[in-house]
Amino acid sequence: MKNIKLIFHQTLMISTGILFGIGVQKMIQYVSEGSGTIVWQWYIPFSIILTGFLCSIPSVLISNCNGYNPKRFVPRLILHFISLGALVSLCGYLFHWYESIQEYIPIAVMYVLIYGFVWAATIWITQSDAKKINEALKDIQDRD
């Protein structure tokens, strides 16, 4: 159940981050170029959700590491960052989010920002859940 919750939260955060980034990118294009419409193929919203889901699965695998050992965690985190970057790049290429290197650069910047935000939010949610569990356990112990 914990893994399903993590996948759901991360899929939601990643998809929202991608959508927000695309919105900011289009707003900048509107201000600089004056193009007032966004034209998307029918599959773009689905591709955003699918990419968020695909990116959340490796996060579950890295979070299930037994204990925190910096010698093992840091290389896994670097591999996680690179593999998700490759996954986002592949999804962007397959779903035509970009067609040139100039269009890819904002996606790469958004990826780094979204990656940092999702890690920070996931740590915050995990700590909040642990605090709630500890308070509930303390209440149970006080009753006895």
N, C-alpha and C. Protein backbone atom coordinates (compact mmCIF):
# COMPACT_ATOMS: atom_id res chain seq x y z
N MET A 1 0.82 -1.20 0.00
CA MET A 1 0.00 0.00 0.00
C MET A 1 0.87 1.26 0.00
N LYS A 2 1.98 1.20 0.75
CA LYS A 2 2.90 2.34 0.81
C LYS A 2 3.47 2.64 -0.57
N ASN A 3 3.81 1.60 -1.34
CA ASN A 3 4.37 1.80 -2.68
C ASN A 3 3.34 2.37 -3.64
N ILE A 4 2.11 1.93 -3.53
CA ILE A 4 1.05 2.45 -4.40
C ILE A 4 0.81 3.93 -4.11
N LYS A 5 0.83 4.28 -2.82
CA LYS A 5 0.66 5.68 -2.43
C LYS A 5 1.81 6.53 -2.98
N LEU A 6 3.04 6.00 -2.89
CA LEU A 6 4.20 6.73 -3.41
C LEU A 6 4.10 6.91 -4.92
N ILE A 7 3.71 5.86 -5.62
CA ILE A 7 3.56 5.95 -7.08
C ILE A 7 2.49 6.99 -7.43
N PHE A 8 1.36 6.96 -6.72
CA PHE A 8 0.28 7.91 -7.00
C PHE A 8 0.75 9.35 -6.75
N HIS A 9 1.37 9.59 -5.60
CA HIS A 9 1.81 10.95 -5.27
C HIS A 9 2.85 11.44 -6.27
N GLN A 10 3.82 10.59 -6.59
CA GLN A 10 4.85 11.04 -7.51
C GLN A 10 4.32 11.22 -8.92
N THR A 11 3.43 10.34 -9.36
CA THR A 11 2.83 10.51 -10.69
C THR A 11 2.10 11.85 -10.75
N LEU A 12 1.35 12.15 -9.70
CA LEU A 12 0.62 13.41 -9.66
C LEU A 12 1.56 14.61 -9.65
N MET A 13 2.61 14.54 -8.83
CA MET A 13 3.55 15.67 -8.76
C MET A 13 4.33 15.85 -10.07
N ILE A 14 4.79 14.75 -10.64
CA ILE A 14 5.57 14.84 -11.88
C ILE A 14 4.70 15.34 -13.02
N SER A 15 3.49 14.80 -13.15
CA SER A 15 2.59 15.23 -14.23
C SER A 15 2.22 16.70 -14.08
N THR A 16 1.95 17.12 -12.85
CA THR A 16 1.63 18.52 -12.60
C THR A 16 2.82 19.41 -12.91
N GLY A 17 4.01 18.96 -12.53
CA GLY A 17 5.22 19.72 -12.83
C GLY A 17 5.46 19.87 -14.32
N ILE A 18 5.27 18.79 -15.06
CA ILE A 18 5.45 18.85 -16.52
C ILE A 18 4.42 19.81 -17.13
N LEU A 19 3.18 19.68 -16.71
CA LEU A 19 2.13 20.56 -17.24
C LEU A 19 2.41 22.02 -16.89
N PHE A 20 2.86 22.27 -15.67
CA PHE A 20 3.21 23.64 -15.26
C PHE A 20 4.36 24.17 -16.11
N GLY A 21 5.39 23.33 -16.31
CA GLY A 21 6.54 23.75 -17.12
C GLY A 21 6.15 24.07 -18.54
N ILE A 22 5.29 23.23 -19.13
CA ILE A 22 4.83 23.49 -20.50
C ILE A 22 4.02 24.78 -20.54
N GLY A 23 3.21 25.01 -19.51
CA GLY A 23 2.43 26.25 -19.44
C GLY A 23 3.32 27.47 -19.37
N VAL A 24 4.37 27.42 -18.56
CA VAL A 24 5.31 28.54 -18.45
C VAL A 24 6.02 28.75 -19.78
N GLN A 25 6.42 27.65 -20.41
CA GLN A 25 7.10 27.74 -21.70
C GLN A 25 6.19 28.40 -22.73
N LYS A 26 4.93 28.02 -22.77
CA LYS A 26 4.00 28.60 -23.74
C LYS A 26 3.69 30.06 -23.40
N MET A 27 3.65 30.40 -22.11
CA MET A 27 3.43 31.78 -21.72
C MET A 27 4.59 32.66 -22.18
N ILE A 28 5.80 32.16 -22.05
CA ILE A 28 6.98 32.90 -22.51
C ILE A 28 6.92 33.08 -24.03
N GLN A 29 6.50 32.03 -24.74
CA GLN A 29 6.35 32.14 -26.19
C GLN A 29 5.28 33.17 -26.54
N TYR A 30 4.21 33.21 -25.76
CA TYR A 30 3.14 34.17 -26.02
C TYR A 30 3.64 35.60 -25.84
N VAL A 31 4.39 35.83 -24.76
CA VAL A 31 4.89 37.17 -24.49
C VAL A 31 5.94 37.59 -25.52
N SER A 32 6.82 36.66 -25.88
CA SER A 32 7.90 37.03 -26.79
C SER A 32 7.49 37.02 -28.26
N GLU A 33 6.63 36.07 -28.65
CA GLU A 33 6.28 35.93 -30.07
C GLU A 33 4.86 36.37 -30.38
N GLY A 34 4.01 36.40 -29.38
CA GLY A 34 2.64 36.80 -29.60
C GLY A 34 1.72 35.69 -30.08
N SER A 35 2.19 34.44 -30.03
CA SER A 35 1.31 33.34 -30.44
C SER A 35 0.31 33.07 -29.33
N GLY A 36 -0.96 33.21 -29.62
CA GLY A 36 -2.00 33.17 -28.60
C GLY A 36 -2.67 31.83 -28.41
N THR A 37 -2.28 30.81 -29.15
CA THR A 37 -2.93 29.51 -29.00
C THR A 37 -1.90 28.42 -28.76
N ILE A 38 -2.36 27.40 -28.08
CA ILE A 38 -1.56 26.20 -27.89
C ILE A 38 -2.24 25.10 -28.68
N VAL A 39 -1.51 24.50 -29.58
CA VAL A 39 -2.06 23.42 -30.39
C VAL A 39 -1.35 22.13 -29.97
N TRP A 40 -2.14 21.20 -29.43
CA TRP A 40 -1.62 19.92 -28.98
C TRP A 40 -2.28 18.81 -29.76
N GLN A 41 -1.53 17.75 -29.98
CA GLN A 41 -2.13 16.55 -30.52
C GLN A 41 -2.98 15.94 -29.40
N TRP A 42 -3.88 15.06 -29.76
CA TRP A 42 -4.82 14.49 -28.80
C TRP A 42 -4.14 13.68 -27.71
N TYR A 43 -2.95 13.17 -27.97
CA TYR A 43 -2.30 12.27 -27.02
C TYR A 43 -1.37 12.98 -26.04
N ILE A 44 -1.16 14.26 -26.15
CA ILE A 44 -0.22 14.96 -25.28
C ILE A 44 -0.62 14.88 -23.80
N PRO A 45 -1.87 15.15 -23.42
CA PRO A 45 -2.21 15.01 -21.98
C PRO A 45 -1.96 13.59 -21.46
N PHE A 46 -2.30 12.58 -22.26
CA PHE A 46 -2.04 11.20 -21.85
C PHE A 46 -0.55 10.95 -21.73
N SER A 47 0.24 11.51 -22.64
CA SER A 47 1.69 11.28 -22.60
C SER A 47 2.32 11.90 -21.35
N ILE A 48 1.77 13.01 -20.88
CA ILE A 48 2.26 13.64 -19.65
C ILE A 48 2.01 12.73 -18.45
N ILE A 49 0.81 12.19 -18.36
CA ILE A 49 0.47 11.29 -17.25
C ILE A 49 1.29 10.00 -17.34
N LEU A 50 1.43 9.45 -18.53
CA LEU A 50 2.21 8.23 -18.72
C LEU A 50 3.67 8.45 -18.33
N THR A 51 4.24 9.58 -18.71
CA THR A 51 5.61 9.89 -18.35
C THR A 51 5.75 10.03 -16.83
N GLY A 52 4.79 10.69 -16.20
CA GLY A 52 4.81 10.80 -14.74
C GLY A 52 4.76 9.44 -14.07
N PHE A 53 3.92 8.55 -14.59
CA PHE A 53 3.81 7.20 -14.03
C PHE A 53 5.10 6.42 -14.23
N LEU A 54 5.65 6.46 -15.45
CA LEU A 54 6.89 5.73 -15.73
C LEU A 54 8.06 6.24 -14.88
N CYS A 55 8.07 7.53 -14.59
CA CYS A 55 9.14 8.09 -13.77
C CYS A 55 8.97 7.76 -12.29
N SER A 56 7.75 7.47 -11.86
CA SER A 56 7.53 7.18 -10.45
C SER A 56 7.91 5.74 -10.09
N ILE A 57 7.90 4.85 -11.05
CA ILE A 57 8.21 3.44 -10.76
C ILE A 57 9.66 3.26 -10.28
N PRO A 58 10.68 3.82 -10.96
CA PRO A 58 12.04 3.67 -10.43
C PRO A 58 12.22 4.32 -9.06
N SER A 59 11.43 5.34 -8.76
CA SER A 59 11.52 5.98 -7.46
C SER A 59 11.11 5.04 -6.34
N VAL A 60 10.14 4.18 -6.61
CA VAL A 60 9.74 3.18 -5.63
C VAL A 60 10.88 2.19 -5.41
N LEU A 61 11.56 1.82 -6.47
CA LEU A 61 12.66 0.87 -6.36
C LEU A 61 13.81 1.45 -5.53
N ILE A 62 14.11 2.73 -5.72
CA ILE A 62 15.19 3.34 -4.95
C ILE A 62 14.78 3.58 -3.50
N SER A 63 13.50 3.79 -3.24
CA SER A 63 13.05 4.04 -1.87
C SER A 63 12.99 2.76 -1.05
N ASN A 64 12.99 1.60 -1.69
CA ASN A 64 12.92 0.33 -0.97
C ASN A 64 14.29 -0.21 -0.58
N CYS A 65 15.32 0.61 -0.67
CA CYS A 65 16.65 0.18 -0.26
C CYS A 65 16.64 -0.04 1.25
N ASN A 66 17.29 -1.08 1.68
CA ASN A 66 17.34 -1.39 3.11
C ASN A 66 18.35 -0.49 3.81
N GLY A 67 17.83 0.39 4.65
CA GLY A 67 18.71 1.27 5.41
C GLY A 67 19.32 2.35 4.54
N TYR A 68 19.89 3.33 5.19
CA TYR A 68 20.55 4.42 4.47
C TYR A 68 22.05 4.23 4.60
N ASN A 69 22.69 3.97 3.48
CA ASN A 69 24.13 3.84 3.42
C ASN A 69 24.60 4.79 2.32
N PRO A 70 25.28 5.89 2.69
CA PRO A 70 25.68 6.86 1.67
C PRO A 70 26.51 6.28 0.53
N LYS A 71 27.31 5.25 0.84
CA LYS A 71 28.15 4.65 -0.21
C LYS A 71 27.31 3.96 -1.27
N ARG A 72 26.15 3.49 -0.89
CA ARG A 72 25.25 2.84 -1.85
C ARG A 72 24.19 3.79 -2.38
N PHE A 73 23.72 4.71 -1.53
CA PHE A 73 22.61 5.57 -1.91
C PHE A 73 23.00 6.61 -2.95
N VAL A 74 24.16 7.24 -2.78
CA VAL A 74 24.57 8.31 -3.70
C VAL A 74 24.73 7.79 -5.13
N PRO A 75 25.42 6.67 -5.35
CA PRO A 75 25.48 6.16 -6.74
C PRO A 75 24.10 5.79 -7.29
N ARG A 76 23.23 5.25 -6.43
CA ARG A 76 21.88 4.93 -6.89
C ARG A 76 21.11 6.20 -7.25
N LEU A 77 21.30 7.25 -6.46
CA LEU A 77 20.63 8.51 -6.75
C LEU A 77 21.11 9.11 -8.06
N ILE A 78 22.41 9.04 -8.32
CA ILE A 78 22.97 9.54 -9.59
C ILE A 78 22.43 8.72 -10.75
N LEU A 79 22.42 7.41 -10.60
CA LEU A 79 21.88 6.53 -11.65
C LEU A 79 20.39 6.81 -11.85
N HIS A 80 19.67 7.04 -10.78
CA HIS A 80 18.24 7.37 -10.83
C HIS A 80 18.02 8.66 -11.62
N PHE A 81 18.80 9.70 -11.30
CA PHE A 81 18.69 10.98 -11.97
C PHE A 81 18.96 10.84 -13.48
N ILE A 82 20.02 10.13 -13.82
CA ILE A 82 20.39 9.96 -15.24
C ILE A 82 19.35 9.12 -15.98
N SER A 83 18.90 8.03 -15.36
CA SER A 83 17.93 7.15 -16.04
C SER A 83 16.58 7.85 -16.22
N LEU A 84 16.15 8.62 -15.22
CA LEU A 84 14.89 9.35 -15.40
C LEU A 84 15.04 10.46 -16.44
N GLY A 85 16.20 11.08 -16.49
CA GLY A 85 16.46 12.08 -17.53
C GLY A 85 16.38 11.46 -18.92
N ALA A 86 16.94 10.27 -19.05
CA ALA A 86 16.87 9.56 -20.33
C ALA A 86 15.43 9.17 -20.64
N LEU A 87 14.68 8.75 -19.63
CA LEU A 87 13.27 8.38 -19.84
C LEU A 87 12.44 9.59 -20.27
N VAL A 88 12.63 10.72 -19.61
CA VAL A 88 11.90 11.94 -19.99
C VAL A 88 12.29 12.37 -21.40
N SER A 89 13.57 12.28 -21.72
CA SER A 89 14.03 12.64 -23.07
C SER A 89 13.42 11.72 -24.12
N LEU A 90 13.38 10.43 -23.81
CA LEU A 90 12.79 9.47 -24.74
C LEU A 90 11.29 9.73 -24.92
N CYS A 91 10.58 9.94 -23.82
CA CYS A 91 9.14 10.24 -23.93
C CYS A 91 8.91 11.53 -24.70
N GLY A 92 9.74 12.54 -24.43
CA GLY A 92 9.62 13.79 -25.16
C GLY A 92 9.85 13.62 -26.65
N TYR A 93 10.80 12.77 -26.99
CA TYR A 93 11.08 12.51 -28.40
C TYR A 93 9.93 11.72 -29.04
N LEU A 94 9.48 10.65 -28.36
CA LEU A 94 8.42 9.81 -28.92
C LEU A 94 7.09 10.55 -29.06
N PHE A 95 6.80 11.43 -28.09
CA PHE A 95 5.52 12.14 -28.10
C PHE A 95 5.62 13.54 -28.70
N HIS A 96 6.76 13.85 -29.30
CA HIS A 96 6.97 15.11 -30.03
C HIS A 96 6.80 16.34 -29.15
N TRP A 97 7.38 16.28 -27.94
CA TRP A 97 7.38 17.48 -27.09
C TRP A 97 8.40 18.47 -27.61
N TYR A 98 9.39 17.99 -28.33
CA TYR A 98 10.42 18.85 -28.90
C TYR A 98 10.83 18.27 -30.25
N GLU A 99 11.33 19.18 -31.10
CA GLU A 99 11.78 18.76 -32.42
C GLU A 99 13.20 19.22 -32.71
N SER A 100 13.73 20.08 -31.85
CA SER A 100 15.10 20.57 -32.06
C SER A 100 15.77 20.71 -30.69
N ILE A 101 17.06 20.97 -30.71
CA ILE A 101 17.80 21.13 -29.47
C ILE A 101 17.34 22.38 -28.72
N GLN A 102 16.91 23.42 -29.46
CA GLN A 102 16.41 24.63 -28.82
C GLN A 102 15.12 24.36 -28.06
N GLU A 103 14.31 23.44 -28.54
CA GLU A 103 13.08 23.08 -27.84
C GLU A 103 13.35 22.07 -26.72
N TYR A 104 14.48 21.35 -26.81
CA TYR A 104 14.82 20.36 -25.78
C TYR A 104 15.40 21.01 -24.52
N ILE A 105 16.13 22.08 -24.67
CA ILE A 105 16.79 22.73 -23.54
C ILE A 105 15.79 23.11 -22.43
N PRO A 106 14.65 23.75 -22.74
CA PRO A 106 13.69 24.04 -21.66
C PRO A 106 13.15 22.78 -20.98
N ILE A 107 13.02 21.70 -21.74
CA ILE A 107 12.55 20.44 -21.16
C ILE A 107 13.59 19.89 -20.20
N ALA A 108 14.86 19.99 -20.56
CA ALA A 108 15.93 19.53 -19.67
C ALA A 108 15.98 20.36 -18.39
N VAL A 109 15.81 21.66 -18.52
CA VAL A 109 15.79 22.53 -17.34
C VAL A 109 14.58 22.20 -16.46
N MET A 110 13.42 22.01 -17.10
CA MET A 110 12.21 21.64 -16.34
C MET A 110 12.42 20.32 -15.63
N TYR A 111 13.10 19.37 -16.28
CA TYR A 111 13.35 18.07 -15.67
C TYR A 111 14.14 18.23 -14.37
N VAL A 112 15.19 19.01 -14.41
CA VAL A 112 16.02 19.21 -13.21
C VAL A 112 15.20 19.85 -12.10
N LEU A 113 14.42 20.87 -12.42
CA LEU A 113 13.59 21.55 -11.42
C LEU A 113 12.52 20.62 -10.85
N ILE A 114 11.85 19.87 -11.72
CA ILE A 114 10.81 18.95 -11.27
C ILE A 114 11.42 17.84 -10.43
N TYR A 115 12.58 17.35 -10.81
CA TYR A 115 13.26 16.29 -10.06
C TYR A 115 13.53 16.75 -8.63
N GLY A 116 14.08 17.94 -8.49
CA GLY A 116 14.36 18.49 -7.16
C GLY A 116 13.10 18.69 -6.35
N PHE A 117 12.06 19.24 -6.99
CA PHE A 117 10.80 19.47 -6.29
C PHE A 117 10.17 18.16 -5.83
N VAL A 118 10.15 17.16 -6.68
CA VAL A 118 9.53 15.88 -6.32
C VAL A 118 10.29 15.20 -5.19
N TRP A 119 11.62 15.27 -5.20
CA TRP A 119 12.39 14.69 -4.10
C TRP A 119 12.08 15.41 -2.79
N ALA A 120 12.07 16.74 -2.83
CA ALA A 120 11.79 17.51 -1.61
C ALA A 120 10.38 17.22 -1.10
N ALA A 121 9.41 17.19 -1.99
CA ALA A 121 8.02 16.93 -1.58
C ALA A 121 7.86 15.50 -1.06
N THR A 122 8.53 14.55 -1.68
CA THR A 122 8.44 13.15 -1.23
C THR A 122 9.05 13.00 0.16
N ILE A 123 10.18 13.63 0.40
CA ILE A 123 10.79 13.58 1.73
C ILE A 123 9.86 14.22 2.76
N TRP A 124 9.27 15.35 2.41
CA TRP A 124 8.35 16.03 3.33
C TRP A 124 7.14 15.17 3.64
N ILE A 125 6.54 14.55 2.62
CA ILE A 125 5.37 13.69 2.82
C ILE A 125 5.74 12.48 3.68
N THR A 126 6.88 11.88 3.41
CA THR A 126 7.33 10.71 4.17
C THR A 126 7.55 11.07 5.64
N GLN A 127 8.19 12.20 5.89
CA GLN A 127 8.42 12.63 7.27
C GLN A 127 7.10 12.97 7.97
N SER A 128 6.18 13.56 7.24
CA SER A 128 4.87 13.88 7.81
C SER A 128 4.12 12.61 8.18
N ASP A 129 4.16 11.61 7.30
CA ASP A 129 3.51 10.33 7.60
C ASP A 129 4.15 9.65 8.80
N ALA A 130 5.47 9.68 8.88
CA ALA A 130 6.17 9.07 10.01
C ALA A 130 5.82 9.77 11.31
N LYS A 131 5.68 11.09 11.27
CA LYS A 131 5.31 11.85 12.46
C LYS A 131 3.90 11.47 12.92
N LYS A 132 2.97 11.34 11.98
CA LYS A 132 1.61 10.94 12.32
C LYS A 132 1.57 9.54 12.93
N ILE A 133 2.35 8.63 12.37
CA ILE A 133 2.40 7.26 12.89
C ILE A 133 2.98 7.26 14.31
N ASN A 134 4.05 8.02 14.52
CA ASN A 134 4.66 8.08 15.84
C ASN A 134 3.71 8.69 16.88
N GLU A 135 2.94 9.71 16.48
CA GLU A 135 1.96 10.30 17.40
C GLU A 135 0.86 9.31 17.73
N ALA A 136 0.41 8.56 16.73
CA ALA A 136 -0.62 7.55 16.98
C ALA A 136 -0.11 6.46 17.91
N LEU A 137 1.12 6.04 17.71
CA LEU A 137 1.72 5.04 18.60
C LEU A 137 1.87 5.56 20.01
N LYS A 138 2.26 6.83 20.14
CA LYS A 138 2.41 7.44 21.46
C LYS A 138 1.06 7.50 22.16
N ASP A 139 -0.01 7.82 21.43
CA ASP A 139 -1.36 7.86 22.01
C ASP A 139 -1.78 6.47 22.50
N ILE A 140 -1.46 5.45 21.74
CA ILE A 140 -1.81 4.08 22.13
C ILE A 140 -1.03 3.69 23.38
N GLN A 141 0.24 4.06 23.46
CA GLN A 141 1.05 3.72 24.63
C GLN A 141 0.56 4.46 25.87
N ASP A 142 0.11 5.70 25.71
CA ASP A 142 -0.38 6.49 26.84
C ASP A 142 -1.66 5.89 27.43
N ARG A 143 -2.49 5.27 26.62
CA ARG A 143 -3.73 4.68 27.08
C ARG A 143 -3.48 3.45 27.94
N ASP A 144 -2.42 2.74 27.65
CA ASP A 144 -2.12 1.51 28.40
C ASP A 144 -1.51 1.83 29.71
